[in-house]
Amino acid sequence: MAQVHSHAVNAIIVGVQRAVPDARVFKRVVGAFRAVESPERIVAVGDKGQADLWGFVRGRPRAVPFEIEVKVGKDRLRSEQEAWAAL
C-alpha cells in the first residue's frame, strides 16, 4: 500500500503544478531517524499528523499556503491528523 500512496502523492504534485502554474508543492517528511555518526542519537523530523503535501500559491500581496492529506484504499484520518487539521 505504501507504493500506491507514494504514486498517488507524486501524481498529485504533478497534477497541481500543471493545473496551477503559480503553485509549488512539496512532500513532507515525518519520522525518526538514527544519526549515522552517532547511532544512539535519534533525530525527529516533522510533527505527527502533518499532511503529506504542503505548498503555496504565489499571490499578491503574499502567497497562500495549503496542505493536502492523501488517502488511498480504506485509509482513514488518524486522531493526530484530525488534530493537525483542526489547528
C-alpha atoms as a PDB file:
ATOM      1  CA  MET A   1       0.000   0.000   0.000  1.00  0.00           C
ATOM      2  CA  ALA A   2       2.944   2.355   0.645  1.00  0.00           C
ATOM      3  CA  GLN A   3       3.919   2.218  -3.020  1.00  0.00           C
ATOM      4  CA  VAL A   4       0.341   3.064  -4.088  1.00  0.00           C
ATOM      5  CA  HIS A   5       0.365   6.008  -1.656  1.00  0.00           C
ATOM      6  CA  SER A   6       3.722   7.222  -2.991  1.00  0.00           C
ATOM      7  CA  HIS A   7       2.487   7.070  -6.592  1.00  0.00           C
ATOM      8  CA  ALA A   8      -0.671   8.982  -5.615  1.00  0.00           C
ATOM      9  CA  VAL A   9       1.377  11.673  -3.841  1.00  0.00           C
ATOM     10  CA  ASN A  10       3.661  12.076  -6.860  1.00  0.00           C
ATOM     11  CA  ALA A  11       0.689  12.263  -9.254  1.00  0.00           C
ATOM     12  CA  ILE A  12      -0.933  14.954  -7.115  1.00  0.00           C
ATOM     13  CA  ILE A  13       2.252  17.037  -7.100  1.00  0.00           C
ATOM     14  CA  VAL A  14       2.484  16.892 -10.885  1.00  0.00           C
ATOM     15  CA  GLY A  15      -1.253  17.485 -11.333  1.00  0.00           C
ATOM     16  CA  VAL A  16      -1.405  20.525  -9.061  1.00  0.00           C
ATOM     17  CA  GLN A  17       1.660  22.157 -10.581  1.00  0.00           C
ATOM     18  CA  ARG A  18       0.342  21.604 -14.120  1.00  0.00           C
ATOM     19  CA  ALA A  19      -3.148  22.890 -13.268  1.00  0.00           C
ATOM     20  CA  VAL A  20      -1.914  25.861 -11.229  1.00  0.00           C
ATOM     21  CA  PRO A  21       1.421  27.099 -12.620  1.00  0.00           C
ATOM     22  CA  ASP A  22       1.850  29.527  -9.710  1.00  0.00           C
ATOM     23  CA  ALA A  23       1.638  26.668  -7.182  1.00  0.00           C
ATOM     24  CA  ARG A  24       4.613  24.975  -5.580  1.00  0.00           C
ATOM     25  CA  VAL A  25       4.032  21.615  -3.884  1.00  0.00           C
ATOM     26  CA  PHE A  26       6.428  19.695  -1.639  1.00  0.00           C
ATOM     27  CA  LYS A  27       6.419  16.288   0.071  1.00  0.00           C
ATOM     28  CA  ARG A  28       6.546  16.463   3.834  1.00  0.00           C
ATOM     29  CA  VAL A  29       8.790  14.074   5.750  1.00  0.00           C
ATOM     30  CA  VAL A  30       7.650  12.960   9.195  1.00  0.00           C
ATOM     31  CA  GLY A  31       9.556  10.341  11.119  1.00  0.00           C
ATOM     32  CA  ALA A  32      12.518   9.470  13.298  1.00  0.00           C
ATOM     33  CA  PHE A  33      15.990   8.576  12.071  1.00  0.00           C
ATOM     34  CA  ARG A  34      19.203   7.366  13.641  1.00  0.00           C
ATOM     35  CA  ALA A  35      22.170   9.649  13.081  1.00  0.00           C
ATOM     36  CA  VAL A  36      24.905   7.944  11.021  1.00  0.00           C
ATOM     37  CA  GLU A  37      27.783   9.364  13.046  1.00  0.00           C
ATOM     38  CA  SER A  38      26.102   8.571  16.358  1.00  0.00           C
ATOM     39  CA  PRO A  39      23.599   5.653  16.114  1.00  0.00           C
ATOM     40  CA  GLU A  40      22.300   6.149  19.658  1.00  0.00           C
ATOM     41  CA  ARG A  41      21.123   9.639  18.654  1.00  0.00           C
ATOM     42  CA  ILE A  42      17.625   9.751  17.183  1.00  0.00           C
ATOM     43  CA  VAL A  43      16.610  12.741  15.096  1.00  0.00           C
ATOM     44  CA  ALA A  44      12.884  13.524  14.839  1.00  0.00           C
ATOM     45  CA  VAL A  45      11.606  15.288  11.726  1.00  0.00           C
ATOM     46  CA  GLY A  46       8.187  16.932  11.419  1.00  0.00           C
ATOM     47  CA  ASP A  47       5.161  16.531  13.663  1.00  0.00           C
ATOM     48  CA  LYS A  48       2.807  13.544  13.717  1.00  0.00           C
ATOM     49  CA  GLY A  49      -0.401  14.335  11.908  1.00  0.00           C
ATOM     50  CA  GLN A  50       1.036  16.797   9.411  1.00  0.00           C
ATOM     51  CA  ALA A  51      -0.356  16.486   5.882  1.00  0.00           C
ATOM     52  CA  ASP A  52       1.544  14.545   3.198  1.00  0.00           C
ATOM     53  CA  LEU A  53       1.964  17.574   0.966  1.00  0.00           C
ATOM     54  CA  TRP A  54       2.355  21.262   1.609  1.00  0.00           C
ATOM     55  CA  GLY A  55       2.854  24.223  -0.601  1.00  0.00           C
ATOM     56  CA  PHE A  56       1.772  27.668  -1.603  1.00  0.00           C
ATOM     57  CA  VAL A  57       0.221  29.521  -4.499  1.00  0.00           C
ATOM     58  CA  ARG A  58       2.065  32.668  -5.458  1.00  0.00           C
ATOM     59  CA  GLY A  59      -0.106  35.715  -4.971  1.00  0.00           C
ATOM     60  CA  ARG A  60      -0.174  39.377  -4.224  1.00  0.00           C
ATOM     61  CA  PRO A  61       0.401  40.772  -1.698  1.00  0.00           C
ATOM     62  CA  ARG A  62       1.502  37.376  -0.316  1.00  0.00           C
ATOM     63  CA  ALA A  63       1.459  33.679  -1.114  1.00  0.00           C
ATOM     64  CA  VAL A  64      -1.429  31.462   0.007  1.00  0.00           C
ATOM     65  CA  PRO A  65      -0.328  28.289   1.841  1.00  0.00           C
ATOM     66  CA  PHE A  66      -2.102  24.941   1.586  1.00  0.00           C
ATOM     67  CA  GLU A  67      -1.744  21.333   2.716  1.00  0.00           C
ATOM     68  CA  ILE A  68      -3.042  18.105   1.161  1.00  0.00           C
ATOM     69  CA  GLU A  69      -3.578  14.835   3.028  1.00  0.00           C
ATOM     70  CA  VAL A  70      -3.521  11.822   0.692  1.00  0.00           C
ATOM     71  CA  LYS A  71      -5.562   8.712   1.455  1.00  0.00           C
ATOM     72  CA  VAL A  72      -5.700   5.544  -0.657  1.00  0.00           C
ATOM     73  CA  GLY A  73      -7.805   2.426  -0.313  1.00  0.00           C
ATOM     74  CA  LYS A  74      -9.563   2.159   3.032  1.00  0.00           C
ATOM     75  CA  ASP A  75      -7.166   4.510   4.840  1.00  0.00           C
ATOM     76  CA  ARG A  76      -8.870   6.988   7.210  1.00  0.00           C
ATOM     77  CA  LEU A  77      -7.802  10.083   9.139  1.00  0.00           C
ATOM     78  CA  ARG A  78      -5.985   9.231  12.351  1.00  0.00           C
ATOM     79  CA  SER A  79      -6.517  11.252  15.529  1.00  0.00           C
ATOM     80  CA  GLU A  80      -3.185  13.100  15.097  1.00  0.00           C
ATOM     81  CA  GLN A  81      -4.203  14.102  11.568  1.00  0.00           C
ATOM     82  CA  GLU A  82      -7.605  15.357  12.756  1.00  0.00           C
ATOM     83  CA  ALA A  83      -5.871  17.401  15.464  1.00  0.00           C
ATOM     84  CA  TRP A  84      -3.439  18.888  12.914  1.00  0.00           C
ATOM     85  CA  ALA A  85      -6.320  19.778  10.570  1.00  0.00           C
ATOM     86  CA  ALA A  86      -8.184  21.470  13.433  1.00  0.00           C
ATOM     87  CA  LEU A  87      -5.086  23.509  14.259  1.00  0.00           C
END
